[in-house]
Amino acid sequence: MHPSDPSFARDKTPNSKAYLALESLESILAGVVSGSSQADPVEMLETQLEAALNQLDGARLRLVRSRRRVGELQEVVAHLGEFLQAVGADGSRQISNSKEPRALRGLESHTA
């Protein structure tokens, strides 16, 4: 991310992980430039990059789980809609056909 990039300004909040990673990299580079850092700058950067990759991988996994949950919730909503349509919005059994048991089974499979 380059400072001229418009998203740079949005991400530069004290609590954002991108900002914290940037601060850490800036501190490493400042130590290297000033000569005050005794540690190997390449090793320090590798460590930072590895940590950033681990964070990205964790975020990717959370995104995959969230998408899966959204899919499951969409199924529940569809089954609930079928059930309400089969039973009738006011609870009276206006439509009594084979849709009700199927819709009820669909709901039960998600609540069990």
PDB file of N, CA and C in Angstrom:
ATOM      1  N   MET A   1       0.861  -1.169   0.000  1.00  0.00           N
ATOM      2  CA  MET A   1       0.000   0.000   0.000  1.00  0.00           C
ATOM      3  C   MET A   1       0.904   1.229   0.000  1.00  0.00           C
ATOM      4  N   HIS A   2       0.653   2.117  -0.897  1.00  0.00           N
ATOM      5  CA  HIS A   2       1.466   3.321  -1.042  1.00  0.00           C
ATOM      6  C   HIS A   2       0.708   4.506  -0.457  1.00  0.00           C
ATOM      7  N   PRO A   3       1.407   5.480   0.155  1.00  0.00           N
ATOM      8  CA  PRO A   3       0.713   6.638   0.742  1.00  0.00           C
ATOM      9  C   PRO A   3      -0.162   7.407  -0.241  1.00  0.00           C
ATOM     10  N   SER A   4       0.113   7.311  -1.543  1.00  0.00           N
ATOM     11  CA  SER A   4      -0.733   8.009  -2.517  1.00  0.00           C
ATOM     12  C   SER A   4      -2.022   7.239  -2.801  1.00  0.00           C
ATOM     13  N   ASP A   5      -2.081   5.987  -2.375  1.00  0.00           N
ATOM     14  CA  ASP A   5      -3.278   5.174  -2.564  1.00  0.00           C
ATOM     15  C   ASP A   5      -4.387   5.718  -1.663  1.00  0.00           C
ATOM     16  N   PRO A   6      -5.598   5.968  -2.213  1.00  0.00           N
ATOM     17  CA  PRO A   6      -6.693   6.518  -1.387  1.00  0.00           C
ATOM     18  C   PRO A   6      -7.070   5.629  -0.207  1.00  0.00           C
ATOM     19  N   SER A   7      -6.894   4.323  -0.337  1.00  0.00           N
ATOM     20  CA  SER A   7      -7.258   3.434   0.770  1.00  0.00           C
ATOM     21  C   SER A   7      -6.262   3.533   1.922  1.00  0.00           C
ATOM     22  N   PHE A   8      -5.075   4.075   1.659  1.00  0.00           N
ATOM     23  CA  PHE A   8      -4.059   4.212   2.707  1.00  0.00           C
ATOM     24  C   PHE A   8      -4.578   5.076   3.846  1.00  0.00           C
ATOM     25  N   ALA A   9      -5.195   6.200   3.512  1.00  0.00           N
ATOM     26  CA  ALA A   9      -5.704   7.119   4.537  1.00  0.00           C
ATOM     27  C   ALA A   9      -6.804   6.462   5.364  1.00  0.00           C
ATOM     28  N   ARG A  10      -7.657   5.671   4.723  1.00  0.00           N
ATOM     29  CA  ARG A  10      -8.742   5.014   5.452  1.00  0.00           C
ATOM     30  C   ARG A  10      -8.198   3.969   6.414  1.00  0.00           C
ATOM     31  N   ASP A  11      -7.142   3.258   6.005  1.00  0.00           N
ATOM     32  CA  ASP A  11      -6.621   2.177   6.824  1.00  0.00           C
ATOM     33  C   ASP A  11      -5.695   2.654   7.927  1.00  0.00           C
ATOM     34  N   LYS A  12      -5.335   3.920   7.919  1.00  0.00           N
ATOM     35  CA  LYS A  12      -4.366   4.402   8.904  1.00  0.00           C
ATOM     36  C   LYS A  12      -5.086   4.851  10.177  1.00  0.00           C
ATOM     37  N   THR A  13      -5.727   3.903  10.813  1.00  0.00           N
ATOM     38  CA  THR A  13      -6.359   4.140  12.105  1.00  0.00           C
ATOM     39  C   THR A  13      -5.565   3.358  13.145  1.00  0.00           C
ATOM     40  N   PRO A  14      -5.439   3.892  14.338  1.00  0.00           N
ATOM     41  CA  PRO A  14      -4.597   3.243  15.352  1.00  0.00           C
ATOM     42  C   PRO A  14      -4.966   1.795  15.661  1.00  0.00           C
ATOM     43  N   ASN A  15      -6.200   1.398  15.448  1.00  0.00           N
ATOM     44  CA  ASN A  15      -6.608   0.043  15.799  1.00  0.00           C
ATOM     45  C   ASN A  15      -6.516  -0.941  14.648  1.00  0.00           C
ATOM     46  N   SER A  16      -6.281  -0.463  13.427  1.00  0.00           N
ATOM     47  CA  SER A  16      -6.272  -1.389  12.297  1.00  0.00           C
ATOM     48  C   SER A  16      -4.982  -2.201  12.281  1.00  0.00           C
ATOM     49  N   LYS A  17      -5.113  -3.457  11.889  1.00  0.00           N
ATOM     50  CA  LYS A  17      -3.944  -4.339  11.830  1.00  0.00           C
ATOM     51  C   LYS A  17      -2.968  -3.856  10.770  1.00  0.00           C
ATOM     52  N   ALA A  18      -3.498  -3.298   9.691  1.00  0.00           N
ATOM     53  CA  ALA A  18      -2.619  -2.780   8.640  1.00  0.00           C
ATOM     54  C   ALA A  18      -1.772  -1.639   9.183  1.00  0.00           C
ATOM     55  N   TYR A  19      -2.385  -0.782   9.978  1.00  0.00           N
ATOM     56  CA  TYR A  19      -1.650   0.348  10.555  1.00  0.00           C
ATOM     57  C   TYR A  19      -0.570  -0.148  11.516  1.00  0.00           C
ATOM     58  N   LEU A  20      -0.921  -1.116  12.348  1.00  0.00           N
ATOM     59  CA  LEU A  20       0.053  -1.650  13.303  1.00  0.00           C
ATOM     60  C   LEU A  20       1.217  -2.331  12.582  1.00  0.00           C
ATOM     61  N   ALA A  21       0.913  -3.052  11.516  1.00  0.00           N
ATOM     62  CA  ALA A  21       1.983  -3.692  10.742  1.00  0.00           C
ATOM     63  C   ALA A  21       2.872  -2.642  10.092  1.00  0.00           C
ATOM     64  N   LEU A  22       2.253  -1.582   9.590  1.00  0.00           N
ATOM     65  CA  LEU A  22       3.016  -0.501   8.966  1.00  0.00           C
ATOM     66  C   LEU A  22       3.919   0.178   9.994  1.00  0.00           C
ATOM     67  N   GLU A  23       3.389   0.427  11.173  1.00  0.00           N
ATOM     68  CA  GLU A  23       4.192   1.031  12.240  1.00  0.00           C
ATOM     69  C   GLU A  23       5.394   0.147  12.582  1.00  0.00           C
ATOM     70  N   SER A  24       5.168  -1.147  12.657  1.00  0.00           N
ATOM     71  CA  SER A  24       6.246  -2.073  12.986  1.00  0.00           C
ATOM     72  C   SER A  24       7.320  -2.068  11.902  1.00  0.00           C
ATOM     73  N   LEU A  25       6.888  -2.099  10.646  1.00  0.00           N
ATOM     74  CA  LEU A  25       7.853  -2.065   9.547  1.00  0.00           C
ATOM     75  C   LEU A  25       8.619  -0.751   9.527  1.00  0.00           C
ATOM     76  N   GLU A  26       7.929   0.357   9.791  1.00  0.00           N
ATOM     77  CA  GLU A  26       8.601   1.658   9.830  1.00  0.00           C
ATOM     78  C   GLU A  26       9.654   1.682  10.934  1.00  0.00           C
ATOM     79  N   SER A  27       9.339   1.094  12.070  1.00  0.00           N
ATOM     80  CA  SER A  27      10.295   1.073  13.177  1.00  0.00           C
ATOM     81  C   SER A  27      11.514   0.221  12.825  1.00  0.00           C
ATOM     82  N   ILE A  28      11.289  -0.910  12.156  1.00  0.00           N
ATOM     83  CA  ILE A  28      12.412  -1.753  11.727  1.00  0.00           C
ATOM     84  C   ILE A  28      13.297  -0.986  10.754  1.00  0.00           C
ATOM     85  N   LEU A  29      12.658  -0.366   9.762  1.00  0.00           N
ATOM     86  CA  LEU A  29      13.429   0.375   8.758  1.00  0.00           C
ATOM     87  C   LEU A  29      14.165   1.560   9.375  1.00  0.00           C
ATOM     88  N   ALA A  30      13.550   2.230  10.329  1.00  0.00           N
ATOM     89  CA  ALA A  30      14.210   3.359  10.991  1.00  0.00           C
ATOM     90  C   ALA A  30      15.450   2.879  11.738  1.00  0.00           C
ATOM     91  N   GLY A  31      15.363   1.722  12.388  1.00  0.00           N
ATOM     92  CA  GLY A  31      16.514   1.160  13.088  1.00  0.00           C
ATOM     93  C   GLY A  31      17.627   0.780  12.133  1.00  0.00           C
ATOM     94  N   VAL A  32      17.247   0.258  10.971  1.00  0.00           N
ATOM     95  CA  VAL A  32      18.246  -0.124   9.971  1.00  0.00           C
ATOM     96  C   VAL A  32      18.937   1.111   9.414  1.00  0.00           C
ATOM     97  N   VAL A  33      18.157   2.143   9.082  1.00  0.00           N
ATOM     98  CA  VAL A  33      18.707   3.367   8.500  1.00  0.00           C
ATOM     99  C   VAL A  33      19.625   4.072   9.490  1.00  0.00           C
ATOM    100  N   SER A  34      19.213   4.127  10.748  1.00  0.00           N
ATOM    101  CA  SER A  34      20.024   4.827  11.750  1.00  0.00           C
ATOM    102  C   SER A  34      21.218   3.996  12.211  1.00  0.00           C
ATOM    103  N   GLY A  35      21.191   2.715  11.917  1.00  0.00           N
ATOM    104  CA  GLY A  35      22.289   1.847  12.336  1.00  0.00           C
ATOM    105  C   GLY A  35      22.185   1.412  13.780  1.00  0.00           C
ATOM    106  N   SER A  36      21.084   1.761  14.462  1.00  0.00           N
ATOM    107  CA  SER A  36      20.941   1.413  15.873  1.00  0.00           C
ATOM    108  C   SER A  36      20.460  -0.017  16.078  1.00  0.00           C
ATOM    109  N   SER A  37      19.955  -0.625  15.028  1.00  0.00           N
ATOM    110  CA  SER A  37      19.437  -1.985  15.158  1.00  0.00           C
ATOM    111  C   SER A  37      20.575  -2.989  15.063  1.00  0.00           C
ATOM    112  N   GLN A  38      20.673  -3.859  16.052  1.00  0.00           N
ATOM    113  CA  GLN A  38      21.708  -4.891  16.065  1.00  0.00           C
ATOM    114  C   GLN A  38      21.235  -6.164  15.360  1.00  0.00           C
ATOM    115  N   ALA A  39      19.923  -6.308  15.239  1.00  0.00           N
ATOM    116  CA  ALA A  39      19.369  -7.513  14.630  1.00  0.00           C
ATOM    117  C   ALA A  39      19.484  -7.427  13.109  1.00  0.00           C
ATOM    118  N   ASP A  40      19.424  -8.577  12.486  1.00  0.00           N
ATOM    119  CA  ASP A  40      19.480  -8.662  11.033  1.00  0.00           C
ATOM    120  C   ASP A  40      18.174  -8.110  10.464  1.00  0.00           C
ATOM    121  N   PRO A  41      18.233  -7.034   9.674  1.00  0.00           N
ATOM    122  CA  PRO A  41      17.000  -6.425   9.163  1.00  0.00           C
ATOM    123  C   PRO A  41      16.217  -7.356   8.248  1.00  0.00           C
ATOM    124  N   VAL A  42      16.907  -8.185   7.487  1.00  0.00           N
ATOM    125  CA  VAL A  42      16.205  -9.120   6.602  1.00  0.00           C
ATOM    126  C   VAL A  42      15.424 -10.127   7.430  1.00  0.00           C
ATOM    127  N   GLU A  43      16.042 -10.625   8.487  1.00  0.00           N
ATOM    128  CA  GLU A  43      15.360 -11.583   9.356  1.00  0.00           C
ATOM    129  C   GLU A  43      14.154 -10.935  10.038  1.00  0.00           C
ATOM    130  N   MET A  44      14.323  -9.690  10.460  1.00  0.00           N
ATOM    131  CA  MET A  44      13.210  -8.985  11.107  1.00  0.00           C
ATOM    132  C   MET A  44      12.062  -8.794  10.119  1.00  0.00           C
ATOM    133  N   LEU A  45      12.382  -8.433   8.886  1.00  0.00           N
ATOM    134  CA  LEU A  45      11.341  -8.255   7.873  1.00  0.00           C
ATOM    135  C   LEU A  45      10.670  -9.581   7.535  1.00  0.00           C
ATOM    136  N   GLU A  46      11.451 -10.647   7.458  1.00  0.00           N
ATOM    137  CA  GLU A  46      10.872 -11.967   7.200  1.00  0.00           C
ATOM    138  C   GLU A  46       9.890 -12.346   8.300  1.00  0.00           C
ATOM    139  N   THR A  47      10.265 -12.062   9.538  1.00  0.00           N
ATOM    140  CA  THR A  47       9.383 -12.358  10.666  1.00  0.00           C
ATOM    141  C   THR A  47       8.086 -11.565  10.559  1.00  0.00           C
ATOM    142  N   GLN A  48       8.211 -10.281  10.217  1.00  0.00           N
ATOM    143  CA  GLN A  48       7.023  -9.440  10.065  1.00  0.00           C
ATOM    144  C   GLN A  48       6.142  -9.932   8.922  1.00  0.00           C
ATOM    145  N   LEU A  49       6.760 -10.292   7.810  1.00  0.00           N
ATOM    146  CA  LEU A  49       5.990 -10.779   6.662  1.00  0.00           C
ATOM    147  C   LEU A  49       5.304 -12.100   6.979  1.00  0.00           C
ATOM    148  N   GLU A  50       5.987 -12.972   7.700  1.00  0.00           N
ATOM    149  CA  GLU A  50       5.381 -14.239   8.088  1.00  0.00           C
ATOM    150  C   GLU A  50       4.176 -14.003   8.999  1.00  0.00           C
ATOM    151  N   ALA A  51       4.310 -13.078   9.934  1.00  0.00           N
ATOM    152  CA  ALA A  51       3.187 -12.751  10.820  1.00  0.00           C
ATOM    153  C   ALA A  51       2.025 -12.175  10.018  1.00  0.00           C
ATOM    154  N   ALA A  52       2.330 -11.317   9.051  1.00  0.00           N
ATOM    155  CA  ALA A  52       1.272 -10.732   8.219  1.00  0.00           C
ATOM    156  C   ALA A  52       0.578 -11.808   7.392  1.00  0.00           C
ATOM    157  N   LEU A  53       1.337 -12.749   6.849  1.00  0.00           N
ATOM    158  CA  LEU A  53       0.739 -13.845   6.079  1.00  0.00           C
ATOM    159  C   LEU A  53      -0.144 -14.717   6.962  1.00  0.00           C
ATOM    160  N   ASN A  54       0.289 -14.960   8.187  1.00  0.00           N
ATOM    161  CA  ASN A  54      -0.535 -15.736   9.120  1.00  0.00           C
ATOM    162  C   ASN A  54      -1.843 -15.014   9.421  1.00  0.00           C
ATOM    163  N   GLN A  55      -1.777 -13.692   9.579  1.00  0.00           N
ATOM    164  CA  GLN A  55      -2.996 -12.917   9.823  1.00  0.00           C
ATOM    165  C   GLN A  55      -3.926 -12.989   8.619  1.00  0.00           C
ATOM    166  N   LEU A  56      -3.357 -12.887   7.420  1.00  0.00           N
ATOM    167  CA  LEU A  56      -4.174 -12.981   6.209  1.00  0.00           C
ATOM    168  C   LEU A  56      -4.820 -14.354   6.087  1.00  0.00           C
ATOM    169  N   ASP A  57      -4.077 -15.399   6.408  1.00  0.00           N
ATOM    170  CA  ASP A  57      -4.625 -16.744   6.334  1.00  0.00           C
ATOM    171  C   ASP A  57      -5.760 -16.914   7.336  1.00  0.00           C
ATOM    172  N   GLY A  58      -5.573 -16.373   8.538  1.00  0.00           N
ATOM    173  CA  GLY A  58      -6.644 -16.425   9.537  1.00  0.00           C
ATOM    174  C   GLY A  58      -7.878 -15.671   9.079  1.00  0.00           C
ATOM    175  N   ALA A  59      -7.668 -14.520   8.463  1.00  0.00           N
ATOM    176  CA  ALA A  59      -8.797 -13.735   7.949  1.00  0.00           C
ATOM    177  C   ALA A  59      -9.503 -14.490   6.830  1.00  0.00           C
ATOM    178  N   ARG A  60      -8.729 -15.164   5.982  1.00  0.00           N
ATOM    179  CA  ARG A  60      -9.322 -15.939   4.891  1.00  0.00           C
ATOM    180  C   ARG A  60     -10.182 -17.068   5.450  1.00  0.00           C
ATOM    181  N   LEU A  61      -9.683 -17.758   6.467  1.00  0.00           N
ATOM    182  CA  LEU A  61     -10.453 -18.844   7.075  1.00  0.00           C
ATOM    183  C   LEU A  61     -11.737 -18.326   7.715  1.00  0.00           C
ATOM    184  N   ARG A  62     -11.652 -17.168   8.390  1.00  0.00           N
ATOM    185  CA  ARG A  62     -12.860 -16.582   8.986  1.00  0.00           C
ATOM    186  C   ARG A  62     -13.867 -16.210   7.902  1.00  0.00           C
ATOM    187  N   LEU A  63     -13.389 -15.719   6.775  1.00  0.00           N
ATOM    188  CA  LEU A  63     -14.271 -15.364   5.666  1.00  0.00           C
ATOM    189  C   LEU A  63     -14.962 -16.603   5.103  1.00  0.00           C
ATOM    190  N   VAL A  64     -14.216 -17.693   4.953  1.00  0.00           N
ATOM    191  CA  VAL A  64     -14.799 -18.936   4.451  1.00  0.00           C
ATOM    192  C   VAL A  64     -15.883 -19.428   5.406  1.00  0.00           C
ATOM    193  N   ARG A  65     -15.588 -19.405   6.722  1.00  0.00           N
ATOM    194  CA  ARG A  65     -16.594 -19.842   7.707  1.00  0.00           C
ATOM    195  C   ARG A  65     -17.819 -18.935   7.678  1.00  0.00           C
ATOM    196  N   SER A  66     -17.600 -17.634   7.537  1.00  0.00           N
ATOM    197  CA  SER A  66     -18.721 -16.696   7.497  1.00  0.00           C
ATOM    198  C   SER A  66     -19.591 -16.944   6.275  1.00  0.00           C
ATOM    199  N   ARG A  67     -18.959 -17.183   5.138  1.00  0.00           N
ATOM    200  CA  ARG A  67     -19.732 -17.468   3.920  1.00  0.00           C
ATOM    201  C   ARG A  67     -20.545 -18.745   4.083  1.00  0.00           C
ATOM    202  N   ARG A  68     -19.948 -19.745   4.735  1.00  0.00           N
ATOM    203  CA  ARG A  68     -20.664 -21.000   4.965  1.00  0.00           C
ATOM    204  C   ARG A  68     -21.877 -20.744   5.864  1.00  0.00           C
ATOM    205  N   ARG A  69     -21.683 -19.937   6.911  1.00  0.00           N
ATOM    206  CA  ARG A  69     -22.801 -19.627   7.817  1.00  0.00           C
ATOM    207  C   ARG A  69     -23.901 -18.867   7.090  1.00  0.00           C
ATOM    208  N   VAL A  70     -23.514 -17.942   6.208  1.00  0.00           N
ATOM    209  CA  VAL A  70     -24.512 -17.196   5.439  1.00  0.00           C
ATOM    210  C   VAL A  70     -25.327 -18.165   4.594  1.00  0.00           C
ATOM    211  N   GLY A  71     -24.667 -19.129   3.969  1.00  0.00           N
ATOM    212  CA  GLY A  71     -25.378 -20.132   3.171  1.00  0.00           C
ATOM    213  C   GLY A  71     -26.349 -20.933   4.021  1.00  0.00           C
ATOM    214  N   GLU A  72     -25.908 -21.326   5.215  1.00  0.00           N
ATOM    215  CA  GLU A  72     -26.787 -22.076   6.117  1.00  0.00           C
ATOM    216  C   GLU A  72     -27.978 -21.226   6.541  1.00  0.00           C
ATOM    217  N   LEU A  73     -27.739 -19.959   6.842  1.00  0.00           N
ATOM    218  CA  LEU A  73     -28.839 -19.074   7.236  1.00  0.00           C
ATOM    219  C   LEU A  73     -29.819 -18.862   6.090  1.00  0.00           C
ATOM    220  N   GLN A  74     -29.315 -18.781   4.870  1.00  0.00           N
ATOM    221  CA  GLN A  74     -30.207 -18.635   3.722  1.00  0.00           C
ATOM    222  C   GLN A  74     -31.108 -19.854   3.588  1.00  0.00           C
ATOM    223  N   GLU A  75     -30.553 -21.050   3.855  1.00  0.00           N
ATOM    224  CA  GLU A  75     -31.369 -22.264   3.819  1.00  0.00           C
ATOM    225  C   GLU A  75     -32.443 -22.228   4.897  1.00  0.00           C
ATOM    226  N   VAL A  76     -32.081 -21.803   6.100  1.00  0.00           N
ATOM    227  CA  VAL A  76     -33.047 -21.724   7.197  1.00  0.00           C
ATOM    228  C   VAL A  76     -34.169 -20.760   6.837  1.00  0.00           C
ATOM    229  N   VAL A  77     -33.816 -19.609   6.293  1.00  0.00           N
ATOM    230  CA  VAL A  77     -34.831 -18.624   5.910  1.00  0.00           C
ATOM    231  C   VAL A  77     -35.745 -19.200   4.835  1.00  0.00           C
ATOM    232  N   ALA A  78     -35.183 -19.922   3.875  1.00  0.00           N
ATOM    233  CA  ALA A  78     -36.006 -20.527   2.822  1.00  0.00           C
ATOM    234  C   ALA A  78     -36.972 -21.546   3.415  1.00  0.00           C
ATOM    235  N   HIS A  79     -36.472 -22.401   4.326  1.00  0.00           N
ATOM    236  CA  HIS A  79     -37.347 -23.393   4.960  1.00  0.00           C
ATOM    237  C   HIS A  79     -38.406 -22.719   5.823  1.00  0.00           C
ATOM    238  N   LEU A  80     -38.025 -21.669   6.514  1.00  0.00           N
ATOM    239  CA  LEU A  80     -38.990 -20.942   7.334  1.00  0.00           C
ATOM    240  C   LEU A  80     -40.076 -20.327   6.457  1.00  0.00           C
ATOM    241  N   GLY A  81     -39.681 -19.763   5.330  1.00  0.00           N
ATOM    242  CA  GLY A  81     -40.660 -19.205   4.394  1.00  0.00           C
ATOM    243  C   GLY A  81     -41.619 -20.266   3.892  1.00  0.00           C
ATOM    244  N   GLU A  82     -41.091 -21.448   3.549  1.00  0.00           N
ATOM    245  CA  GLU A  82     -41.949 -22.545   3.098  1.00  0.00           C
ATOM    246  C   GLU A  82     -42.901 -22.971   4.209  1.00  0.00           C
ATOM    247  N   PHE A  83     -42.387 -23.050   5.422  1.00  0.00           N
ATOM    248  CA  PHE A  83     -43.220 -23.471   6.547  1.00  0.00           C
ATOM    249  C   PHE A  83     -44.337 -22.464   6.806  1.00  0.00           C
ATOM    250  N   LEU A  84     -43.980 -21.173   6.822  1.00  0.00           N
ATOM    251  CA  LEU A  84     -45.000 -20.149   7.058  1.00  0.00           C
ATOM    252  C   LEU A  84     -46.033 -20.131   5.948  1.00  0.00           C
ATOM    253  N   GLN A  85     -45.593 -20.349   4.737  1.00  0.00           N
ATOM    254  CA  GLN A  85     -46.538 -20.385   3.627  1.00  0.00           C
ATOM    255  C   GLN A  85     -47.462 -21.595   3.762  1.00  0.00           C
ATOM    256  N   ALA A  86     -46.918 -22.737   4.190  1.00  0.00           N
ATOM    257  CA  ALA A  86     -47.719 -23.945   4.336  1.00  0.00           C
ATOM    258  C   ALA A  86     -48.704 -23.832   5.492  1.00  0.00           C
ATOM    259  N   VAL A  87     -48.291 -23.212   6.577  1.00  0.00           N
ATOM    260  CA  VAL A  87     -49.148 -23.106   7.760  1.00  0.00           C
ATOM    261  C   VAL A  87     -50.093 -21.927   7.632  1.00  0.00           C
ATOM    262  N   GLY A  88     -49.645 -20.867   6.996  1.00  0.00           N
ATOM    263  CA  GLY A  88     -50.430 -19.642   6.909  1.00  0.00           C
ATOM    264  C   GLY A  88     -49.850 -18.632   7.872  1.00  0.00           C
ATOM    265  N   ALA A  89     -49.807 -17.401   7.479  1.00  0.00           N
ATOM    266  CA  ALA A  89     -49.165 -16.361   8.277  1.00  0.00           C
ATOM    267  C   ALA A  89     -49.844 -16.171   9.627  1.00  0.00           C
ATOM    268  N   ASP A  90     -51.150 -16.388   9.705  1.00  0.00           N
ATOM    269  CA  ASP A  90     -51.858 -16.177  10.971  1.00  0.00           C
ATOM    270  C   ASP A  90     -51.953 -17.451  11.809  1.00  0.00           C
ATOM    271  N   GLY A  91     -51.306 -18.513  11.364  1.00  0.00           N
ATOM    272  CA  GLY A  91     -51.311 -19.749  12.135  1.00  0.00           C
ATOM    273  C   GLY A  91     -52.405 -20.707  11.735  1.00  0.00           C
ATOM    274  N   SER A  92     -53.375 -20.238  10.984  1.00  0.00           N
ATOM    275  CA  SER A  92     -54.419 -21.159  10.531  1.00  0.00           C
ATOM    276  C   SER A  92     -53.864 -21.972   9.371  1.00  0.00           C
ATOM    277  N   ARG A  93     -54.292 -23.169   9.276  1.00  0.00           N
ATOM    278  CA  ARG A  93     -53.778 -24.051   8.226  1.00  0.00           C
ATOM    279  C   ARG A  93     -54.560 -23.815   6.940  1.00  0.00           C
ATOM    280  N   GLN A  94     -54.249 -22.687   6.310  1.00  0.00           N
ATOM    281  CA  GLN A  94     -54.943 -22.344   5.072  1.00  0.00           C
ATOM    282  C   GLN A  94     -54.533 -23.272   3.937  1.00  0.00           C
ATOM    283  N   ILE A  95     -53.301 -23.680   3.947  1.00  0.00           N
ATOM    284  CA  ILE A  95     -52.809 -24.572   2.901  1.00  0.00           C
ATOM    285  C   ILE A  95     -52.407 -25.861   3.595  1.00  0.00           C
ATOM    286  N   SER A  96     -53.147 -26.906   3.372  1.00  0.00           N
ATOM    287  CA  SER A  96     -52.782 -28.175   4.004  1.00  0.00           C
ATOM    288  C   SER A  96     -52.457 -29.171   2.899  1.00  0.00           C
ATOM    289  N   ASN A  97     -51.221 -29.187   2.535  1.00  0.00           N
ATOM    290  CA  ASN A  97     -50.771 -30.168   1.552  1.00  0.00           C
ATOM    291  C   ASN A  97     -49.423 -30.711   1.993  1.00  0.00           C
ATOM    292  N   SER A  98     -48.733 -31.348   1.116  1.00  0.00           N
ATOM    293  CA  SER A  98     -47.486 -32.012   1.493  1.00  0.00           C
ATOM    294  C   SER A  98     -46.338 -31.038   1.729  1.00  0.00           C
ATOM    295  N   LYS A  99     -46.523 -29.740   1.467  1.00  0.00           N
ATOM    296  CA  LYS A  99     -45.433 -28.784   1.669  1.00  0.00           C
ATOM    297  C   LYS A  99     -45.106 -28.593   3.154  1.00  0.00           C
ATOM    298  N   GLU A 100     -46.120 -28.646   4.005  1.00  0.00           N
ATOM    299  CA  GLU A 100     -45.892 -28.378   5.427  1.00  0.00           C
ATOM    300  C   GLU A 100     -44.904 -29.350   6.059  1.00  0.00           C
ATOM    301  N   PRO A 101     -45.100 -30.666   5.945  1.00  0.00           N
ATOM    302  CA  PRO A 101     -44.136 -31.572   6.577  1.00  0.00           C
ATOM    303  C   PRO A 101     -42.720 -31.399   6.019  1.00  0.00           C
ATOM    304  N   ARG A 102     -42.604 -31.180   4.715  1.00  0.00           N
ATOM    305  CA  ARG A 102     -41.277 -31.008   4.119  1.00  0.00           C
ATOM    306  C   ARG A 102     -40.617 -29.744   4.663  1.00  0.00           C
ATOM    307  N   ALA A 103     -41.371 -28.661   4.760  1.00  0.00           N
ATOM    308  CA  ALA A 103     -40.822 -27.409   5.281  1.00  0.00           C
ATOM    309  C   ALA A 103     -40.443 -27.563   6.749  1.00  0.00           C
ATOM    310  N   LEU A 104     -41.280 -28.274   7.507  1.00  0.00           N
ATOM    311  CA  LEU A 104     -40.992 -28.491   8.922  1.00  0.00           C
ATOM    312  C   LEU A 104     -39.729 -29.332   9.094  1.00  0.00           C
ATOM    313  N   ARG A 105     -39.566 -30.360   8.278  1.00  0.00           N
ATOM    314  CA  ARG A 105     -38.343 -31.178   8.344  1.00  0.00           C
ATOM    315  C   ARG A 105     -37.117 -30.327   8.016  1.00  0.00           C
ATOM    316  N   GLY A 106     -37.253 -29.432   7.047  1.00  0.00           N
ATOM    317  CA  GLY A 106     -36.139 -28.557   6.687  1.00  0.00           C
ATOM    318  C   GLY A 106     -35.738 -27.677   7.848  1.00  0.00           C
ATOM    319  N   LEU A 107     -36.725 -27.137   8.566  1.00  0.00           N
ATOM    320  CA  LEU A 107     -36.424 -26.299   9.729  1.00  0.00           C
ATOM    321  C   LEU A 107     -35.792 -27.122  10.842  1.00  0.00           C
ATOM    322  N   GLU A 108     -36.354 -28.312  11.090  1.00  0.00           N
ATOM    323  CA  GLU A 108     -35.834 -29.151  12.165  1.00  0.00           C
ATOM    324  C   GLU A 108     -34.390 -29.560  11.905  1.00  0.00           C
ATOM    325  N   SER A 109     -34.040 -29.767  10.644  1.00  0.00           N
ATOM    326  CA  SER A 109     -32.662 -30.178  10.350  1.00  0.00           C
ATOM    327  C   SER A 109     -31.674 -29.071  10.688  1.00  0.00           C
ATOM    328  N   HIS A 110     -32.105 -27.816  10.673  1.00  0.00           N
ATOM    329  CA  HIS A 110     -31.203 -26.709  10.988  1.00  0.00           C
ATOM    330  C   HIS A 110     -31.207 -26.355  12.468  1.00  0.00           C
ATOM    331  N   THR A 111     -32.248 -26.750  13.191  1.00  0.00           N
ATOM    332  CA  THR A 111     -32.318 -26.403  14.610  1.00  0.00           C
ATOM    333  C   THR A 111     -31.852 -27.545  15.498  1.00  0.00           C
ATOM    334  N   ALA A 112     -31.661 -28.716  14.920  1.00  0.00           N
ATOM    335  CA  ALA A 112     -31.243 -29.882  15.716  1.00  0.00           C
ATOM    336  C   ALA A 112     -29.772 -29.827  16.045  1.00  0.00           C
TER     337      ALA A 112
END
